[in-house]
Amino acid sequence: MPVGDDTYAYRRDLPHLMKSGKTYYVTFCTRDRRVLIEAERDVVMACCIREHKITCWLHCFVVMPDHVHLILTPYEDVRLDTIMQRIKSVSAHEINRLTNRNGPVWQREYFDRILRSTEDVRLKAAYICENPVRAGLVARVENYKWIWRCWIEGAPARAPAPH
């Protein structure tokens, strides 16, 4: 439902507010908090990075065993729900193919929050990067394979379109 010039709101189980040009903190979880094996986390990581090249500027993300945190800014004319549908749908399809399963991999919904300042982005990025250490998965974030920190390490603004 449009609520302003470039603001769109909708609700399923959770409320969502989308506004062009904004940066979002997003969390989504596996269905029934199922733990993703390493190869499945590789798939999710590849799907997220692919969207950086197509639909959004991906500032950072982490793929945890049963959930994913991202900070992203959709490219012009791309809605957050479209990005999330693409990441969740493609990764679920690939995970099911990899594991010879079928059915949902992800919970239907995701949590999103507009980050209103550079400080908000910095704080959420720090939270994302510290998540594997807090969870006891690694002693140092540098040792965690499923983290991407474009905002620290640098990455191309937008890769050329695939041929």
N, C-alpha and C. Protein backbone atom coordinates (compact mmCIF):
# COMPACT_ATOMS: atom_id res chain seq x y z
N MET A 1 0.85 -1.17 0.00
CA MET A 1 0.00 0.00 0.00
C MET A 1 0.90 1.24 0.00
N PRO A 2 0.79 2.10 -1.02
CA PRO A 2 1.57 3.33 -1.01
C PRO A 2 1.13 4.24 0.14
N VAL A 3 2.11 4.82 0.83
CA VAL A 3 1.79 5.73 1.94
C VAL A 3 2.41 7.10 1.75
N GLY A 4 3.12 7.30 0.68
CA GLY A 4 3.75 8.58 0.38
C GLY A 4 4.33 8.53 -1.01
N ASP A 5 5.06 9.55 -1.39
CA ASP A 5 5.61 9.62 -2.73
C ASP A 5 6.38 8.37 -3.12
N ASP A 6 7.31 7.95 -2.28
CA ASP A 6 8.13 6.79 -2.61
C ASP A 6 8.20 5.80 -1.45
N THR A 7 7.16 5.79 -0.63
CA THR A 7 7.10 4.89 0.52
C THR A 7 6.01 3.86 0.29
N TYR A 8 6.33 2.60 0.61
CA TYR A 8 5.39 1.51 0.42
C TYR A 8 5.36 0.71 1.71
N ALA A 9 4.16 0.42 2.21
CA ALA A 9 4.02 -0.37 3.43
C ALA A 9 3.16 -1.59 3.15
N TYR A 10 3.51 -2.69 3.79
CA TYR A 10 2.66 -3.88 3.72
C TYR A 10 2.88 -4.71 4.97
N ARG A 11 2.00 -5.66 5.18
CA ARG A 11 2.08 -6.49 6.37
C ARG A 11 1.66 -7.91 6.01
N ARG A 12 2.46 -8.86 6.44
CA ARG A 12 2.07 -10.26 6.45
C ARG A 12 1.96 -10.60 7.92
N ASP A 13 2.94 -11.32 8.44
CA ASP A 13 2.99 -11.54 9.89
C ASP A 13 3.68 -10.36 10.57
N LEU A 14 4.64 -9.77 9.86
CA LEU A 14 5.40 -8.63 10.37
C LEU A 14 5.13 -7.41 9.48
N PRO A 15 5.17 -6.23 10.04
CA PRO A 15 5.00 -5.02 9.22
C PRO A 15 6.29 -4.71 8.46
N HIS A 16 6.14 -4.17 7.25
CA HIS A 16 7.29 -3.80 6.43
C HIS A 16 7.04 -2.41 5.87
N LEU A 17 8.06 -1.57 5.91
CA LEU A 17 7.99 -0.22 5.36
C LEU A 17 9.18 -0.07 4.42
N MET A 18 8.89 0.22 3.16
CA MET A 18 9.95 0.37 2.17
C MET A 18 9.96 1.80 1.65
N LYS A 19 11.15 2.36 1.57
CA LYS A 19 11.32 3.72 1.07
C LYS A 19 12.57 3.74 0.20
N SER A 20 12.46 4.30 -0.99
CA SER A 20 13.60 4.28 -1.90
C SER A 20 14.78 5.04 -1.32
N GLY A 21 15.97 4.55 -1.64
CA GLY A 21 17.19 5.20 -1.20
C GLY A 21 17.60 4.91 0.23
N LYS A 22 16.86 4.09 0.94
CA LYS A 22 17.15 3.80 2.35
C LYS A 22 18.00 2.54 2.48
N THR A 23 18.70 2.46 3.60
CA THR A 23 19.51 1.30 3.93
C THR A 23 18.76 0.49 4.98
N TYR A 24 18.78 -0.84 4.83
CA TYR A 24 18.01 -1.74 5.69
C TYR A 24 18.92 -2.72 6.41
N TYR A 25 18.52 -3.02 7.63
CA TYR A 25 19.07 -4.14 8.39
C TYR A 25 18.01 -5.24 8.29
N VAL A 26 18.40 -6.42 7.84
CA VAL A 26 17.45 -7.51 7.60
C VAL A 26 17.94 -8.78 8.28
N THR A 27 17.01 -9.52 8.88
CA THR A 27 17.30 -10.84 9.44
C THR A 27 16.26 -11.82 8.92
N PHE A 28 16.72 -12.98 8.46
CA PHE A 28 15.78 -14.05 8.13
C PHE A 28 16.33 -15.37 8.65
N CYS A 29 15.41 -16.28 8.99
CA CYS A 29 15.76 -17.52 9.69
C CYS A 29 15.33 -18.75 8.90
N THR A 30 16.02 -19.85 9.18
CA THR A 30 15.61 -21.11 8.58
C THR A 30 14.29 -21.57 9.21
N ARG A 31 13.56 -22.33 8.46
CA ARG A 31 12.30 -22.87 8.97
C ARG A 31 12.62 -23.85 10.11
N ASP A 32 11.89 -23.72 11.18
CA ASP A 32 12.07 -24.54 12.38
C ASP A 32 13.49 -24.46 12.93
N ARG A 33 14.18 -23.36 12.61
CA ARG A 33 15.56 -23.09 13.05
C ARG A 33 16.50 -24.25 12.69
N ARG A 34 16.24 -24.87 11.55
CA ARG A 34 17.10 -25.95 11.05
C ARG A 34 18.51 -25.42 10.84
N VAL A 35 19.51 -26.18 11.24
CA VAL A 35 20.91 -25.79 11.09
C VAL A 35 21.38 -26.10 9.67
N LEU A 36 21.93 -25.10 9.01
CA LEU A 36 22.48 -25.27 7.67
C LEU A 36 23.88 -25.87 7.77
N ILE A 37 24.12 -26.90 6.98
CA ILE A 37 25.47 -27.46 6.92
C ILE A 37 26.37 -26.48 6.16
N GLU A 38 27.67 -26.70 6.20
CA GLU A 38 28.61 -25.76 5.59
C GLU A 38 28.33 -25.53 4.11
N ALA A 39 28.07 -26.58 3.36
CA ALA A 39 27.80 -26.42 1.92
C ALA A 39 26.54 -25.59 1.68
N GLU A 40 25.56 -25.71 2.56
CA GLU A 40 24.34 -24.91 2.43
C GLU A 40 24.63 -23.44 2.74
N ARG A 41 25.47 -23.19 3.71
CA ARG A 41 25.86 -21.81 4.01
C ARG A 41 26.64 -21.20 2.84
N ASP A 42 27.43 -22.02 2.17
CA ASP A 42 28.13 -21.55 0.96
C ASP A 42 27.12 -21.09 -0.09
N VAL A 43 26.06 -21.85 -0.26
CA VAL A 43 25.01 -21.50 -1.23
C VAL A 43 24.38 -20.16 -0.87
N VAL A 44 24.02 -19.99 0.40
CA VAL A 44 23.38 -18.74 0.84
C VAL A 44 24.33 -17.57 0.61
N MET A 45 25.59 -17.76 0.94
CA MET A 45 26.56 -16.69 0.75
C MET A 45 26.65 -16.30 -0.73
N ALA A 46 26.72 -17.27 -1.60
CA ALA A 46 26.79 -16.99 -3.04
C ALA A 46 25.54 -16.26 -3.53
N CYS A 47 24.38 -16.65 -3.03
CA CYS A 47 23.13 -15.99 -3.44
C CYS A 47 23.09 -14.53 -2.97
N CYS A 48 23.55 -14.27 -1.78
CA CYS A 48 23.59 -12.89 -1.28
C CYS A 48 24.56 -12.05 -2.10
N ILE A 49 25.75 -12.57 -2.35
CA ILE A 49 26.73 -11.82 -3.13
C ILE A 49 26.22 -11.56 -4.55
N ARG A 50 25.52 -12.52 -5.11
CA ARG A 50 24.96 -12.33 -6.45
C ARG A 50 24.00 -11.15 -6.48
N GLU A 51 23.21 -10.98 -5.44
CA GLU A 51 22.28 -9.84 -5.42
C GLU A 51 23.02 -8.52 -5.34
N HIS A 52 24.20 -8.50 -4.71
CA HIS A 52 25.02 -7.28 -4.68
C HIS A 52 25.33 -6.83 -6.11
N LYS A 53 25.47 -7.74 -6.98
CA LYS A 53 25.82 -7.42 -8.36
C LYS A 53 24.60 -7.07 -9.20
N ILE A 54 23.40 -7.32 -8.67
CA ILE A 54 22.20 -7.17 -9.50
C ILE A 54 21.20 -6.17 -8.93
N THR A 55 20.85 -6.29 -7.65
CA THR A 55 19.69 -5.55 -7.12
C THR A 55 19.99 -4.57 -5.99
N CYS A 56 21.16 -4.68 -5.35
CA CYS A 56 21.40 -3.85 -4.17
C CYS A 56 22.88 -3.67 -3.90
N TRP A 57 23.19 -2.63 -3.12
CA TRP A 57 24.53 -2.48 -2.55
C TRP A 57 24.49 -3.22 -1.22
N LEU A 58 25.25 -4.27 -1.13
CA LEU A 58 25.28 -5.10 0.07
C LEU A 58 26.46 -4.63 0.92
N HIS A 59 26.18 -4.00 2.04
CA HIS A 59 27.23 -3.44 2.90
C HIS A 59 27.96 -4.54 3.66
N CYS A 60 27.21 -5.43 4.27
CA CYS A 60 27.80 -6.58 4.96
C CYS A 60 26.70 -7.59 5.25
N PHE A 61 27.12 -8.83 5.46
CA PHE A 61 26.17 -9.86 5.89
C PHE A 61 26.94 -10.99 6.54
N VAL A 62 26.20 -11.79 7.30
CA VAL A 62 26.75 -13.00 7.90
C VAL A 62 25.70 -14.10 7.76
N VAL A 63 26.17 -15.28 7.37
CA VAL A 63 25.31 -16.47 7.32
C VAL A 63 25.64 -17.30 8.54
N MET A 64 24.73 -17.31 9.49
CA MET A 64 24.89 -18.10 10.70
C MET A 64 24.29 -19.49 10.46
N PRO A 65 24.46 -20.43 11.37
CA PRO A 65 23.92 -21.77 11.13
C PRO A 65 22.41 -21.82 10.89
N ASP A 66 21.63 -20.92 11.52
CA ASP A 66 20.18 -20.99 11.34
C ASP A 66 19.53 -19.64 11.00
N HIS A 67 20.34 -18.64 10.66
CA HIS A 67 19.78 -17.35 10.27
C HIS A 67 20.82 -16.52 9.51
N VAL A 68 20.34 -15.45 8.90
CA VAL A 68 21.20 -14.56 8.13
C VAL A 68 20.90 -13.13 8.54
N HIS A 69 21.94 -12.32 8.70
CA HIS A 69 21.81 -10.88 8.93
C HIS A 69 22.42 -10.17 7.73
N LEU A 70 21.76 -9.12 7.23
CA LEU A 70 22.30 -8.32 6.13
C LEU A 70 22.08 -6.84 6.39
N ILE A 71 22.96 -6.03 5.84
CA ILE A 71 22.72 -4.60 5.70
C ILE A 71 22.83 -4.32 4.21
N LEU A 72 21.77 -3.75 3.64
CA LEU A 72 21.76 -3.51 2.20
C LEU A 72 21.00 -2.24 1.86
N THR A 73 21.34 -1.69 0.71
CA THR A 73 20.61 -0.55 0.14
C THR A 73 20.15 -0.97 -1.24
N PRO A 74 18.84 -1.11 -1.46
CA PRO A 74 18.36 -1.50 -2.79
C PRO A 74 18.75 -0.47 -3.85
N TYR A 75 19.08 -0.97 -5.04
CA TYR A 75 19.32 -0.07 -6.16
C TYR A 75 18.01 0.60 -6.53
N GLU A 76 18.09 1.70 -7.25
CA GLU A 76 16.91 2.46 -7.65
C GLU A 76 15.91 1.54 -8.36
N ASP A 77 14.65 1.72 -8.03
CA ASP A 77 13.54 0.96 -8.62
C ASP A 77 13.52 -0.52 -8.25
N VAL A 78 14.25 -0.93 -7.21
CA VAL A 78 14.20 -2.31 -6.72
C VAL A 78 13.68 -2.28 -5.30
N ARG A 79 12.65 -3.09 -5.04
CA ARG A 79 12.06 -3.12 -3.70
C ARG A 79 12.72 -4.18 -2.83
N LEU A 80 12.74 -3.91 -1.53
CA LEU A 80 13.33 -4.85 -0.58
C LEU A 80 12.68 -6.22 -0.66
N ASP A 81 11.36 -6.27 -0.76
CA ASP A 81 10.69 -7.58 -0.80
C ASP A 81 11.11 -8.39 -2.02
N THR A 82 11.40 -7.73 -3.12
CA THR A 82 11.89 -8.42 -4.32
C THR A 82 13.27 -9.02 -4.06
N ILE A 83 14.14 -8.25 -3.44
CA ILE A 83 15.49 -8.74 -3.12
C ILE A 83 15.40 -9.96 -2.20
N MET A 84 14.58 -9.86 -1.17
CA MET A 84 14.47 -10.95 -0.21
C MET A 84 13.87 -12.20 -0.86
N GLN A 85 12.88 -12.00 -1.70
CA GLN A 85 12.28 -13.14 -2.40
C GLN A 85 13.33 -13.83 -3.26
N ARG A 86 14.15 -13.06 -3.94
CA ARG A 86 15.18 -13.64 -4.81
C ARG A 86 16.21 -14.42 -3.98
N ILE A 87 16.71 -13.82 -2.91
CA ILE A 87 17.72 -14.50 -2.09
C ILE A 87 17.15 -15.79 -1.50
N LYS A 88 15.98 -15.70 -0.90
CA LYS A 88 15.40 -16.86 -0.23
C LYS A 88 14.98 -17.94 -1.22
N SER A 89 14.39 -17.55 -2.33
CA SER A 89 13.91 -18.52 -3.31
C SER A 89 15.06 -19.26 -3.98
N VAL A 90 16.02 -18.51 -4.49
CA VAL A 90 17.14 -19.14 -5.19
C VAL A 90 17.96 -20.00 -4.24
N SER A 91 18.24 -19.49 -3.05
CA SER A 91 19.04 -20.29 -2.11
C SER A 91 18.29 -21.55 -1.68
N ALA A 92 16.99 -21.45 -1.45
CA ALA A 92 16.21 -22.64 -1.07
C ALA A 92 16.23 -23.68 -2.19
N HIS A 93 16.06 -23.22 -3.41
CA HIS A 93 16.09 -24.15 -4.55
C HIS A 93 17.45 -24.86 -4.63
N GLU A 94 18.53 -24.09 -4.50
CA GLU A 94 19.87 -24.67 -4.58
C GLU A 94 20.17 -25.59 -3.39
N ILE A 95 19.73 -25.20 -2.20
CA ILE A 95 19.93 -26.04 -1.02
C ILE A 95 19.16 -27.35 -1.17
N ASN A 96 17.92 -27.27 -1.62
CA ASN A 96 17.13 -28.50 -1.81
C ASN A 96 17.76 -29.40 -2.87
N ARG A 97 18.29 -28.82 -3.93
CA ARG A 97 18.96 -29.61 -4.96
C ARG A 97 20.22 -30.27 -4.39
N LEU A 98 20.98 -29.50 -3.63
CA LEU A 98 22.22 -30.00 -3.03
C LEU A 98 21.97 -31.15 -2.06
N THR A 99 20.90 -31.04 -1.28
CA THR A 99 20.63 -32.03 -0.23
C THR A 99 19.59 -33.08 -0.63
N ASN A 100 19.13 -32.98 -1.87
CA ASN A 100 18.11 -33.92 -2.38
C ASN A 100 16.85 -33.91 -1.51
N ARG A 101 16.46 -32.70 -1.11
CA ARG A 101 15.23 -32.50 -0.34
C ARG A 101 14.28 -31.65 -1.15
N ASN A 102 13.10 -31.42 -0.57
CA ASN A 102 12.19 -30.43 -1.12
C ASN A 102 11.47 -29.75 0.03
N GLY A 103 10.78 -28.67 -0.29
CA GLY A 103 10.05 -27.94 0.73
C GLY A 103 10.77 -26.69 1.17
N PRO A 104 10.14 -25.94 2.06
CA PRO A 104 10.71 -24.66 2.50
C PRO A 104 12.01 -24.83 3.28
N VAL A 105 12.93 -23.94 3.03
CA VAL A 105 14.17 -23.87 3.81
C VAL A 105 14.06 -22.73 4.82
N TRP A 106 13.40 -21.64 4.40
CA TRP A 106 13.33 -20.41 5.20
C TRP A 106 11.95 -20.20 5.80
N GLN A 107 11.91 -19.49 6.93
CA GLN A 107 10.64 -19.00 7.44
C GLN A 107 10.05 -18.06 6.40
N ARG A 108 8.75 -17.97 6.38
CA ARG A 108 8.07 -17.15 5.38
C ARG A 108 8.45 -15.68 5.48
N GLU A 109 8.59 -15.19 6.66
CA GLU A 109 8.83 -13.76 6.89
C GLU A 109 10.30 -13.46 7.11
N TYR A 110 10.59 -12.19 7.18
CA TYR A 110 11.90 -11.67 7.56
C TYR A 110 11.67 -10.39 8.35
N PHE A 111 12.63 -10.04 9.17
CA PHE A 111 12.57 -8.81 9.95
C PHE A 111 13.40 -7.77 9.22
N ASP A 112 12.86 -6.55 9.06
CA ASP A 112 13.64 -5.49 8.46
C ASP A 112 13.45 -4.20 9.23
N ARG A 113 14.49 -3.38 9.19
CA ARG A 113 14.47 -2.09 9.87
C ARG A 113 15.25 -1.10 9.03
N ILE A 114 14.68 0.07 8.80
CA ILE A 114 15.40 1.12 8.09
C ILE A 114 16.44 1.71 9.03
N LEU A 115 17.67 1.80 8.55
CA LEU A 115 18.75 2.42 9.32
C LEU A 115 18.80 3.89 8.94
N ARG A 116 18.61 4.74 9.92
CA ARG A 116 18.39 6.16 9.65
C ARG A 116 19.64 7.03 9.70
N SER A 117 20.76 6.47 10.13
CA SER A 117 21.97 7.29 10.24
C SER A 117 23.20 6.43 9.99
N THR A 118 24.30 7.09 9.75
CA THR A 118 25.58 6.39 9.60
C THR A 118 25.91 5.63 10.88
N GLU A 119 25.58 6.21 12.01
CA GLU A 119 25.83 5.54 13.29
C GLU A 119 25.00 4.27 13.41
N ASP A 120 23.73 4.29 12.97
CA ASP A 120 22.90 3.08 12.96
C ASP A 120 23.57 1.99 12.13
N VAL A 121 24.05 2.36 10.95
CA VAL A 121 24.71 1.39 10.06
C VAL A 121 25.96 0.83 10.75
N ARG A 122 26.76 1.69 11.34
CA ARG A 122 27.98 1.26 12.01
C ARG A 122 27.68 0.29 13.15
N LEU A 123 26.68 0.60 13.97
CA LEU A 123 26.33 -0.26 15.10
C LEU A 123 25.81 -1.62 14.64
N LYS A 124 24.93 -1.62 13.64
CA LYS A 124 24.40 -2.90 13.14
C LYS A 124 25.48 -3.70 12.44
N ALA A 125 26.37 -3.04 11.71
CA ALA A 125 27.47 -3.75 11.06
C ALA A 125 28.38 -4.39 12.11
N ALA A 126 28.66 -3.68 13.18
CA ALA A 126 29.47 -4.25 14.27
C ALA A 126 28.76 -5.47 14.87
N TYR A 127 27.45 -5.36 15.07
CA TYR A 127 26.67 -6.48 15.61
C TYR A 127 26.78 -7.69 14.67
N ILE A 128 26.60 -7.45 13.37
CA ILE A 128 26.68 -8.53 12.39
C ILE A 128 28.06 -9.19 12.44
N CYS A 129 29.10 -8.39 12.43
CA CYS A 129 30.46 -8.93 12.39
C CYS A 129 30.84 -9.67 13.67
N GLU A 130 30.27 -9.28 14.78
CA GLU A 130 30.58 -9.93 16.06
C GLU A 130 29.72 -11.17 16.31
N ASN A 131 28.69 -11.37 15.53
CA ASN A 131 27.73 -12.45 15.76
C ASN A 131 28.39 -13.83 15.83
N PRO A 132 29.27 -14.23 14.91
CA PRO A 132 29.88 -15.56 15.01
C PRO A 132 30.73 -15.74 16.27
N VAL A 133 31.38 -14.67 16.72
CA VAL A 133 32.18 -14.74 17.94
C VAL A 133 31.27 -14.87 19.15
N ARG A 134 30.22 -14.05 19.20
CA ARG A 134 29.26 -14.11 20.32
C ARG A 134 28.62 -15.49 20.42
N ALA A 135 28.37 -16.11 19.26
CA ALA A 135 27.73 -17.43 19.24
C ALA A 135 28.70 -18.56 19.56
N GLY A 136 29.98 -18.22 19.73
CA GLY A 136 30.97 -19.24 20.06
C GLY A 136 31.41 -20.10 18.88
N LEU A 137 31.16 -19.63 17.66
CA LEU A 137 31.52 -20.40 16.47
C LEU A 137 33.00 -20.25 16.12
N VAL A 138 33.57 -19.09 16.43
CA VAL A 138 34.99 -18.80 16.20
C VAL A 138 35.49 -17.88 17.30
N ALA A 139 36.80 -17.84 17.48
CA ALA A 139 37.39 -16.93 18.47
C ALA A 139 37.56 -15.53 17.88
N ARG A 140 37.80 -15.46 16.58
CA ARG A 140 37.99 -14.18 15.89
C ARG A 140 37.14 -14.16 14.63
N VAL A 141 36.53 -13.04 14.35
CA VAL A 141 35.64 -12.94 13.19
C VAL A 141 36.38 -13.27 11.90
N GLU A 142 37.67 -12.97 11.83
CA GLU A 142 38.46 -13.26 10.62
C GLU A 142 38.48 -14.75 10.30
N ASN A 143 38.19 -15.58 11.29
CA ASN A 143 38.20 -17.03 11.09
C ASN A 143 36.85 -17.58 10.65
N TYR A 144 35.85 -16.72 10.51
CA TYR A 144 34.52 -17.18 10.11
C TYR A 144 34.38 -17.04 8.60
N LYS A 145 34.08 -18.13 7.95
CA LYS A 145 34.04 -18.19 6.49
C LYS A 145 32.84 -17.48 5.88
N TRP A 146 31.72 -17.42 6.58
CA TRP A 146 30.47 -16.96 5.98
C TRP A 146 30.12 -15.53 6.38
N ILE A 147 31.08 -14.65 6.23
CA ILE A 147 30.85 -13.23 6.52
C ILE A 147 31.40 -12.43 5.34
N TRP A 148 30.69 -11.37 5.00
CA TRP A 148 31.10 -10.51 3.88
C TRP A 148 31.00 -9.08 4.36
N ARG A 149 32.10 -8.34 4.24
CA ARG A 149 32.16 -6.99 4.79
C ARG A 149 32.63 -6.00 3.75
N CYS A 150 31.81 -5.75 2.79
CA CYS A 150 32.14 -4.81 1.72
C CYS A 150 32.48 -3.45 2.30
N TRP A 151 31.78 -3.05 3.33
CA TRP A 151 31.97 -1.72 3.92
C TRP A 151 33.34 -1.57 4.55
N ILE A 152 33.99 -2.68 4.88
CA ILE A 152 35.34 -2.65 5.43
C ILE A 152 36.37 -2.97 4.34
N GLU A 153 36.12 -4.06 3.63
CA GLU A 153 37.12 -4.60 2.72
C GLU A 153 37.07 -4.00 1.32
N GLY A 154 35.96 -3.36 0.99
CA GLY A 154 35.81 -2.80 -0.35
C GLY A 154 35.33 -3.84 -1.34
N ALA A 155 34.57 -3.40 -2.31
CA ALA A 155 34.06 -4.26 -3.37
C ALA A 155 33.60 -3.36 -4.49
N PRO A 156 33.52 -3.88 -5.69
CA PRO A 156 33.05 -3.03 -6.79
C PRO A 156 31.63 -2.57 -6.54
N ALA A 157 31.34 -1.35 -6.92
CA ALA A 157 30.00 -0.80 -6.72
C ALA A 157 28.96 -1.64 -7.42
N ARG A 158 29.27 -2.09 -8.61
CA ARG A 158 28.33 -2.92 -9.34
C ARG A 158 29.10 -3.67 -10.41
N ALA A 159 29.02 -4.94 -10.40
CA ALA A 159 29.74 -5.74 -11.38
C ALA A 159 29.02 -5.67 -12.72
N PRO A 160 29.75 -5.89 -13.80
CA PRO A 160 29.09 -5.90 -15.11
C PRO A 160 28.04 -7.00 -15.15
N ALA A 161 27.00 -6.78 -15.91
CA ALA A 161 25.93 -7.77 -16.06
C ALA A 161 26.50 -9.02 -16.72
N PRO A 162 26.05 -10.21 -16.28
CA PRO A 162 26.52 -11.45 -16.91
C PRO A 162 26.07 -11.51 -18.36
N HIS A 163 26.88 -12.12 -19.21
CA HIS A 163 26.54 -12.22 -20.64
C HIS A 163 25.77 -13.47 -20.92
